[in-house]
């Protein structure tokens, strides 16, 4: 959670979450702040826009969440470094890469898929 009040700024993390989750949360909240995203929680309950039961990119909150996730992923797992590591390692060792970047294996795989590295690797 990102809290901004006048001149004070703070990012709160759940101490009970895994270290990797805490790191991603901090990077995600930095993404919101640096992107100048609007805080939807202060306006009361906002109706989400859904199409066929799925969130729609027309929903500004959903779009901002995705942007903050992309920022966090690139900050913690830069594309250039990930590509170098995968090229040098041979078979993708998700556990080792996740430890190297101090992220969860789930976050690592999402980044590999988003960057199409997993697909490129599978085609070899």
N, C-alpha and C. Protein backbone atom coordinates (compact mmCIF):
# COMPACT_ATOMS: atom_id res chain seq x y z
N UNK A 1 0.85 -1.16 0.00
CA UNK A 1 0.00 0.00 0.00
C UNK A 1 0.90 1.24 0.00
N UNK A 2 0.55 2.18 -0.84
CA UNK A 2 1.25 3.45 -0.92
C UNK A 2 0.40 4.50 -0.23
N UNK A 3 0.99 5.22 0.71
CA UNK A 3 0.29 6.26 1.43
C UNK A 3 1.02 7.58 1.22
N UNK A 4 0.29 8.59 0.75
CA UNK A 4 0.88 9.91 0.55
C UNK A 4 -0.01 10.92 1.26
N UNK A 5 0.58 11.65 2.17
CA UNK A 5 -0.12 12.71 2.89
C UNK A 5 0.78 13.93 2.93
N UNK A 6 0.37 14.95 2.22
CA UNK A 6 1.15 16.18 2.11
C UNK A 6 2.59 15.84 1.76
N UNK A 7 3.55 16.05 2.67
CA UNK A 7 4.95 15.79 2.36
C UNK A 7 5.42 14.40 2.76
N UNK A 8 4.59 13.63 3.42
CA UNK A 8 4.99 12.30 3.88
C UNK A 8 4.55 11.24 2.88
N UNK A 9 5.47 10.33 2.58
CA UNK A 9 5.19 9.23 1.67
C UNK A 9 5.67 7.94 2.33
N UNK A 10 4.86 6.89 2.22
CA UNK A 10 5.25 5.61 2.82
C UNK A 10 4.66 4.47 2.01
N UNK A 11 5.40 3.38 1.95
CA UNK A 11 4.91 2.15 1.34
C UNK A 11 4.83 1.12 2.44
N UNK A 12 3.66 0.53 2.59
CA UNK A 12 3.46 -0.48 3.61
C UNK A 12 3.46 -1.87 2.99
N UNK A 13 4.09 -2.80 3.67
CA UNK A 13 4.08 -4.20 3.22
C UNK A 13 3.66 -5.08 4.39
N UNK A 14 3.10 -6.21 4.05
CA UNK A 14 2.69 -7.18 5.06
C UNK A 14 3.93 -7.97 5.49
N UNK A 15 4.31 -7.85 6.74
CA UNK A 15 5.50 -8.54 7.24
C UNK A 15 5.34 -10.05 7.26
N UNK A 16 4.11 -10.53 7.13
CA UNK A 16 3.87 -11.97 7.12
C UNK A 16 4.02 -12.57 5.73
N UNK A 17 4.11 -11.72 4.73
CA UNK A 17 4.31 -12.21 3.36
C UNK A 17 5.78 -12.58 3.16
N UNK A 18 6.01 -13.43 2.20
CA UNK A 18 7.38 -13.83 1.86
C UNK A 18 8.19 -12.60 1.44
N UNK A 19 9.49 -12.68 1.68
CA UNK A 19 10.40 -11.60 1.31
C UNK A 19 10.25 -11.22 -0.16
N UNK A 20 10.12 -12.22 -1.03
CA UNK A 20 9.98 -11.95 -2.46
C UNK A 20 8.69 -11.18 -2.75
N UNK A 21 7.63 -11.52 -2.05
CA UNK A 21 6.35 -10.81 -2.22
C UNK A 21 6.47 -9.36 -1.74
N UNK A 22 7.16 -9.17 -0.63
CA UNK A 22 7.37 -7.81 -0.10
C UNK A 22 8.13 -6.95 -1.11
N UNK A 23 9.18 -7.53 -1.72
CA UNK A 23 9.97 -6.80 -2.71
C UNK A 23 9.10 -6.41 -3.91
N UNK A 24 8.27 -7.35 -4.38
CA UNK A 24 7.43 -7.06 -5.52
C UNK A 24 6.40 -5.98 -5.15
N UNK A 25 5.85 -6.06 -3.96
CA UNK A 25 4.88 -5.05 -3.51
C UNK A 25 5.51 -3.66 -3.51
N UNK A 26 6.71 -3.55 -2.97
CA UNK A 26 7.39 -2.25 -2.93
C UNK A 26 7.62 -1.74 -4.35
N UNK A 27 8.10 -2.59 -5.24
CA UNK A 27 8.35 -2.18 -6.63
C UNK A 27 7.04 -1.80 -7.32
N UNK A 28 5.98 -2.55 -7.06
CA UNK A 28 4.66 -2.27 -7.63
C UNK A 28 4.16 -0.89 -7.18
N UNK A 29 4.26 -0.62 -5.90
CA UNK A 29 3.79 0.67 -5.37
C UNK A 29 4.65 1.82 -5.87
N UNK A 30 5.96 1.60 -6.03
CA UNK A 30 6.81 2.61 -6.65
C UNK A 30 6.34 2.89 -8.08
N UNK A 31 5.94 1.85 -8.78
CA UNK A 31 5.41 2.02 -10.13
C UNK A 31 4.19 2.91 -10.15
N UNK A 32 3.28 2.70 -9.20
CA UNK A 32 2.11 3.58 -9.11
C UNK A 32 2.55 5.03 -8.88
N UNK A 33 3.43 5.22 -7.93
CA UNK A 33 3.85 6.58 -7.57
C UNK A 33 4.56 7.27 -8.73
N UNK A 34 5.54 6.60 -9.32
CA UNK A 34 6.33 7.21 -10.38
C UNK A 34 5.51 7.43 -11.66
N UNK A 35 4.44 6.67 -11.81
CA UNK A 35 3.58 6.84 -12.98
C UNK A 35 2.48 7.86 -12.74
N UNK A 36 2.39 8.36 -11.51
CA UNK A 36 1.37 9.36 -11.19
C UNK A 36 -0.04 8.80 -11.20
N UNK A 37 -0.18 7.52 -10.85
CA UNK A 37 -1.49 6.89 -10.87
C UNK A 37 -2.41 7.48 -9.81
N UNK A 38 -3.66 7.47 -10.13
CA UNK A 38 -4.69 7.98 -9.25
C UNK A 38 -5.06 6.90 -8.23
N UNK A 39 -5.37 7.32 -7.02
CA UNK A 39 -5.80 6.39 -5.97
C UNK A 39 -7.31 6.24 -6.06
N UNK A 40 -7.77 5.05 -6.46
CA UNK A 40 -9.19 4.82 -6.61
C UNK A 40 -9.87 4.51 -5.29
N UNK A 41 -9.11 4.14 -4.28
CA UNK A 41 -9.72 3.73 -3.02
C UNK A 41 -10.33 4.91 -2.27
N UNK A 42 -9.85 6.12 -2.51
CA UNK A 42 -10.36 7.26 -1.75
C UNK A 42 -11.68 7.78 -2.31
N UNK A 43 -12.07 7.33 -3.49
CA UNK A 43 -13.31 7.81 -4.09
C UNK A 43 -14.50 6.93 -3.73
N UNK A 44 -14.30 6.02 -2.85
CA UNK A 44 -15.38 5.11 -2.52
C UNK A 44 -15.39 3.93 -3.47
N UNK A 45 -16.42 3.15 -3.38
CA UNK A 45 -16.48 1.94 -4.21
C UNK A 45 -16.63 2.34 -5.68
N UNK A 46 -15.76 1.80 -6.49
CA UNK A 46 -15.82 2.06 -7.92
C UNK A 46 -16.32 0.81 -8.62
N UNK A 47 -17.23 1.02 -9.54
CA UNK A 47 -17.71 -0.11 -10.33
C UNK A 47 -16.66 -0.48 -11.36
N UNK A 48 -16.37 -1.73 -11.43
CA UNK A 48 -15.42 -2.22 -12.43
C UNK A 48 -16.17 -2.45 -13.74
N UNK A 49 -15.49 -2.20 -14.82
CA UNK A 49 -16.07 -2.43 -16.13
C UNK A 49 -15.74 -3.86 -16.53
N UNK A 50 -16.75 -4.64 -16.86
CA UNK A 50 -16.52 -6.05 -17.22
C UNK A 50 -17.12 -6.33 -18.59
N UNK A 51 -16.42 -7.16 -19.31
CA UNK A 51 -16.92 -7.67 -20.59
C UNK A 51 -16.81 -9.18 -20.50
N UNK A 52 -17.92 -9.85 -20.65
CA UNK A 52 -17.95 -11.32 -20.54
C UNK A 52 -17.30 -11.80 -19.25
N UNK A 53 -17.55 -11.10 -18.15
CA UNK A 53 -17.03 -11.51 -16.85
C UNK A 53 -15.58 -11.18 -16.61
N UNK A 54 -14.90 -10.57 -17.56
CA UNK A 54 -13.48 -10.24 -17.41
C UNK A 54 -13.33 -8.73 -17.23
N UNK A 55 -12.28 -8.34 -16.50
CA UNK A 55 -11.98 -6.92 -16.39
C UNK A 55 -11.63 -6.39 -17.77
N UNK A 56 -11.97 -5.16 -18.02
CA UNK A 56 -11.75 -4.55 -19.32
C UNK A 56 -10.67 -3.50 -19.20
N UNK A 57 -9.85 -3.35 -20.25
CA UNK A 57 -8.80 -2.33 -20.23
C UNK A 57 -9.37 -0.92 -20.21
N UNK A 58 -10.67 -0.78 -20.45
CA UNK A 58 -11.29 0.54 -20.33
C UNK A 58 -11.39 0.95 -18.87
N UNK A 59 -11.24 0.00 -17.98
CA UNK A 59 -11.26 0.28 -16.54
C UNK A 59 -9.91 0.87 -16.15
N UNK A 60 -9.86 2.15 -15.80
CA UNK A 60 -8.56 2.78 -15.52
C UNK A 60 -7.82 2.17 -14.35
N UNK A 61 -8.54 1.66 -13.35
CA UNK A 61 -7.86 1.05 -12.22
C UNK A 61 -7.14 -0.23 -12.65
N UNK A 62 -7.82 -1.04 -13.46
CA UNK A 62 -7.21 -2.28 -13.94
C UNK A 62 -5.99 -1.99 -14.80
N UNK A 63 -6.07 -0.98 -15.64
CA UNK A 63 -4.95 -0.61 -16.49
C UNK A 63 -3.76 -0.15 -15.65
N UNK A 64 -4.04 0.63 -14.60
CA UNK A 64 -2.97 1.11 -13.73
C UNK A 64 -2.32 -0.02 -12.95
N UNK A 65 -3.11 -1.00 -12.54
CA UNK A 65 -2.54 -2.16 -11.83
C UNK A 65 -1.59 -2.92 -12.74
N UNK A 66 -1.99 -3.11 -14.00
CA UNK A 66 -1.13 -3.81 -14.95
C UNK A 66 0.15 -3.02 -15.19
N UNK A 67 0.04 -1.71 -15.33
CA UNK A 67 1.23 -0.88 -15.54
C UNK A 67 2.17 -0.96 -14.34
N UNK A 68 1.62 -0.96 -13.13
CA UNK A 68 2.45 -1.05 -11.93
C UNK A 68 3.13 -2.42 -11.86
N UNK A 69 2.42 -3.48 -12.26
CA UNK A 69 3.02 -4.81 -12.29
C UNK A 69 4.15 -4.88 -13.31
N UNK A 70 3.94 -4.29 -14.47
CA UNK A 70 4.98 -4.28 -15.51
C UNK A 70 6.21 -3.50 -15.04
N UNK A 71 5.99 -2.38 -14.36
CA UNK A 71 7.10 -1.61 -13.81
C UNK A 71 7.89 -2.46 -12.82
N UNK A 72 7.18 -3.10 -11.90
CA UNK A 72 7.83 -3.92 -10.88
C UNK A 72 8.62 -5.06 -11.51
N UNK A 73 8.04 -5.71 -12.50
CA UNK A 73 8.72 -6.83 -13.17
C UNK A 73 10.00 -6.36 -13.85
N UNK A 74 9.94 -5.23 -14.53
CA UNK A 74 11.14 -4.74 -15.23
C UNK A 74 12.19 -4.24 -14.24
N UNK A 75 11.76 -3.66 -13.14
CA UNK A 75 12.70 -3.19 -12.11
C UNK A 75 13.43 -4.37 -11.47
N UNK A 76 12.68 -5.42 -11.13
CA UNK A 76 13.26 -6.55 -10.42
C UNK A 76 13.88 -7.60 -11.34
N UNK A 77 13.37 -7.70 -12.56
CA UNK A 77 13.85 -8.71 -13.52
C UNK A 77 14.03 -8.05 -14.88
N UNK A 78 15.05 -7.22 -15.04
CA UNK A 78 15.22 -6.48 -16.29
C UNK A 78 15.34 -7.41 -17.50
N UNK A 79 14.64 -7.06 -18.56
CA UNK A 79 14.61 -7.90 -19.76
C UNK A 79 16.01 -8.24 -20.26
N UNK A 80 16.89 -7.26 -20.33
CA UNK A 80 18.23 -7.50 -20.85
C UNK A 80 18.97 -8.57 -20.03
N UNK A 81 18.89 -8.47 -18.72
CA UNK A 81 19.58 -9.43 -17.86
C UNK A 81 18.94 -10.82 -17.92
N UNK A 82 17.61 -10.85 -17.94
CA UNK A 82 16.91 -12.13 -18.04
C UNK A 82 17.31 -12.84 -19.33
N UNK A 83 17.31 -12.10 -20.43
CA UNK A 83 17.67 -12.71 -21.72
C UNK A 83 19.11 -13.24 -21.69
N UNK A 84 20.02 -12.49 -21.10
CA UNK A 84 21.42 -12.94 -20.99
C UNK A 84 21.51 -14.22 -20.16
N UNK A 85 20.82 -14.24 -19.03
CA UNK A 85 20.87 -15.40 -18.15
C UNK A 85 20.28 -16.65 -18.80
N UNK A 86 19.16 -16.49 -19.49
CA UNK A 86 18.53 -17.63 -20.15
C UNK A 86 19.41 -18.13 -21.29
N UNK A 87 20.00 -17.22 -22.05
CA UNK A 87 20.88 -17.62 -23.16
C UNK A 87 22.11 -18.37 -22.65
N UNK A 88 22.63 -17.97 -21.52
CA UNK A 88 23.85 -18.58 -20.98
C UNK A 88 23.59 -19.88 -20.24
N UNK A 89 22.37 -20.06 -19.75
CA UNK A 89 22.10 -21.18 -18.84
C UNK A 89 21.68 -22.47 -19.53
N UNK A 90 21.26 -22.41 -20.76
CA UNK A 90 20.71 -23.61 -21.36
C UNK A 90 19.27 -23.78 -20.93
N UNK A 91 18.90 -24.96 -20.40
CA UNK A 91 17.52 -25.13 -19.94
C UNK A 91 17.16 -24.10 -18.86
N UNK A 92 15.93 -23.62 -18.94
CA UNK A 92 15.49 -22.61 -17.96
C UNK A 92 15.35 -23.28 -16.60
N UNK A 93 16.11 -22.79 -15.64
CA UNK A 93 16.02 -23.24 -14.26
C UNK A 93 15.30 -22.14 -13.49
N UNK A 94 13.98 -22.23 -13.44
CA UNK A 94 13.17 -21.18 -12.82
C UNK A 94 13.53 -20.95 -11.36
N UNK A 95 13.82 -22.00 -10.66
CA UNK A 95 14.17 -21.88 -9.24
C UNK A 95 15.45 -21.06 -9.06
N UNK A 96 16.47 -21.37 -9.85
CA UNK A 96 17.75 -20.65 -9.75
C UNK A 96 17.60 -19.20 -10.17
N UNK A 97 16.86 -18.96 -11.25
CA UNK A 97 16.66 -17.58 -11.71
C UNK A 97 15.84 -16.78 -10.69
N UNK A 98 14.83 -17.40 -10.12
CA UNK A 98 14.02 -16.71 -9.12
C UNK A 98 14.88 -16.32 -7.91
N UNK A 99 15.75 -17.22 -7.50
CA UNK A 99 16.65 -16.90 -6.38
C UNK A 99 17.61 -15.78 -6.75
N UNK A 100 18.14 -15.83 -7.97
CA UNK A 100 19.09 -14.80 -8.42
C UNK A 100 18.45 -13.41 -8.37
N UNK A 101 17.20 -13.31 -8.83
CA UNK A 101 16.52 -12.01 -8.88
C UNK A 101 15.70 -11.71 -7.63
N UNK A 102 15.68 -12.65 -6.69
CA UNK A 102 14.95 -12.50 -5.43
C UNK A 102 13.47 -12.20 -5.67
N UNK A 103 12.89 -13.03 -6.53
CA UNK A 103 11.46 -12.95 -6.84
C UNK A 103 10.88 -14.36 -6.70
N UNK A 104 9.57 -14.45 -6.72
CA UNK A 104 8.94 -15.77 -6.68
C UNK A 104 9.08 -16.43 -8.05
N UNK A 105 8.97 -17.74 -8.06
CA UNK A 105 9.00 -18.45 -9.35
C UNK A 105 7.81 -18.03 -10.21
N UNK A 106 6.68 -17.78 -9.57
CA UNK A 106 5.50 -17.34 -10.32
C UNK A 106 5.78 -16.01 -11.02
N UNK A 107 6.36 -15.04 -10.29
CA UNK A 107 6.67 -13.75 -10.90
C UNK A 107 7.68 -13.91 -12.03
N UNK A 108 8.66 -14.79 -11.83
CA UNK A 108 9.65 -15.03 -12.87
C UNK A 108 9.00 -15.60 -14.13
N UNK A 109 8.14 -16.62 -13.97
CA UNK A 109 7.49 -17.21 -15.13
C UNK A 109 6.59 -16.22 -15.85
N UNK A 110 5.89 -15.39 -15.10
CA UNK A 110 5.05 -14.36 -15.72
C UNK A 110 5.92 -13.44 -16.57
N UNK A 111 7.08 -13.05 -16.05
CA UNK A 111 7.99 -12.18 -16.81
C UNK A 111 8.51 -12.91 -18.04
N UNK A 112 8.87 -14.17 -17.91
CA UNK A 112 9.35 -14.95 -19.06
C UNK A 112 8.28 -15.07 -20.14
N UNK A 113 7.04 -15.26 -19.73
CA UNK A 113 5.93 -15.35 -20.69
C UNK A 113 5.65 -13.98 -21.31
N UNK A 114 5.57 -12.95 -20.48
CA UNK A 114 5.29 -11.60 -21.00
C UNK A 114 6.34 -11.14 -21.99
N UNK A 115 7.59 -11.50 -21.74
CA UNK A 115 8.68 -11.12 -22.65
C UNK A 115 8.83 -12.09 -23.82
N UNK A 116 7.97 -13.11 -23.84
CA UNK A 116 7.98 -14.15 -24.87
C UNK A 116 9.28 -14.96 -24.87
N UNK A 117 10.00 -14.93 -23.77
CA UNK A 117 11.23 -15.70 -23.64
C UNK A 117 10.90 -17.19 -23.50
N UNK A 118 9.86 -17.51 -22.76
CA UNK A 118 9.48 -18.91 -22.58
C UNK A 118 9.09 -19.52 -23.91
N UNK A 119 8.37 -18.77 -24.73
CA UNK A 119 7.94 -19.26 -26.05
C UNK A 119 9.15 -19.44 -26.96
N UNK A 120 10.04 -18.45 -26.97
CA UNK A 120 11.26 -18.53 -27.78
C UNK A 120 12.09 -19.74 -27.38
N UNK A 121 12.19 -19.96 -26.08
CA UNK A 121 12.98 -21.08 -25.57
C UNK A 121 12.37 -22.41 -25.98
N UNK A 122 11.04 -22.50 -25.91
CA UNK A 122 10.35 -23.73 -26.25
C UNK A 122 10.51 -24.09 -27.73
N UNK A 123 10.72 -23.10 -28.56
CA UNK A 123 10.87 -23.34 -30.01
C UNK A 123 12.25 -23.85 -30.39
N UNK A 124 13.22 -23.79 -29.48
CA UNK A 124 14.59 -24.22 -29.79
C UNK A 124 14.66 -25.69 -30.09
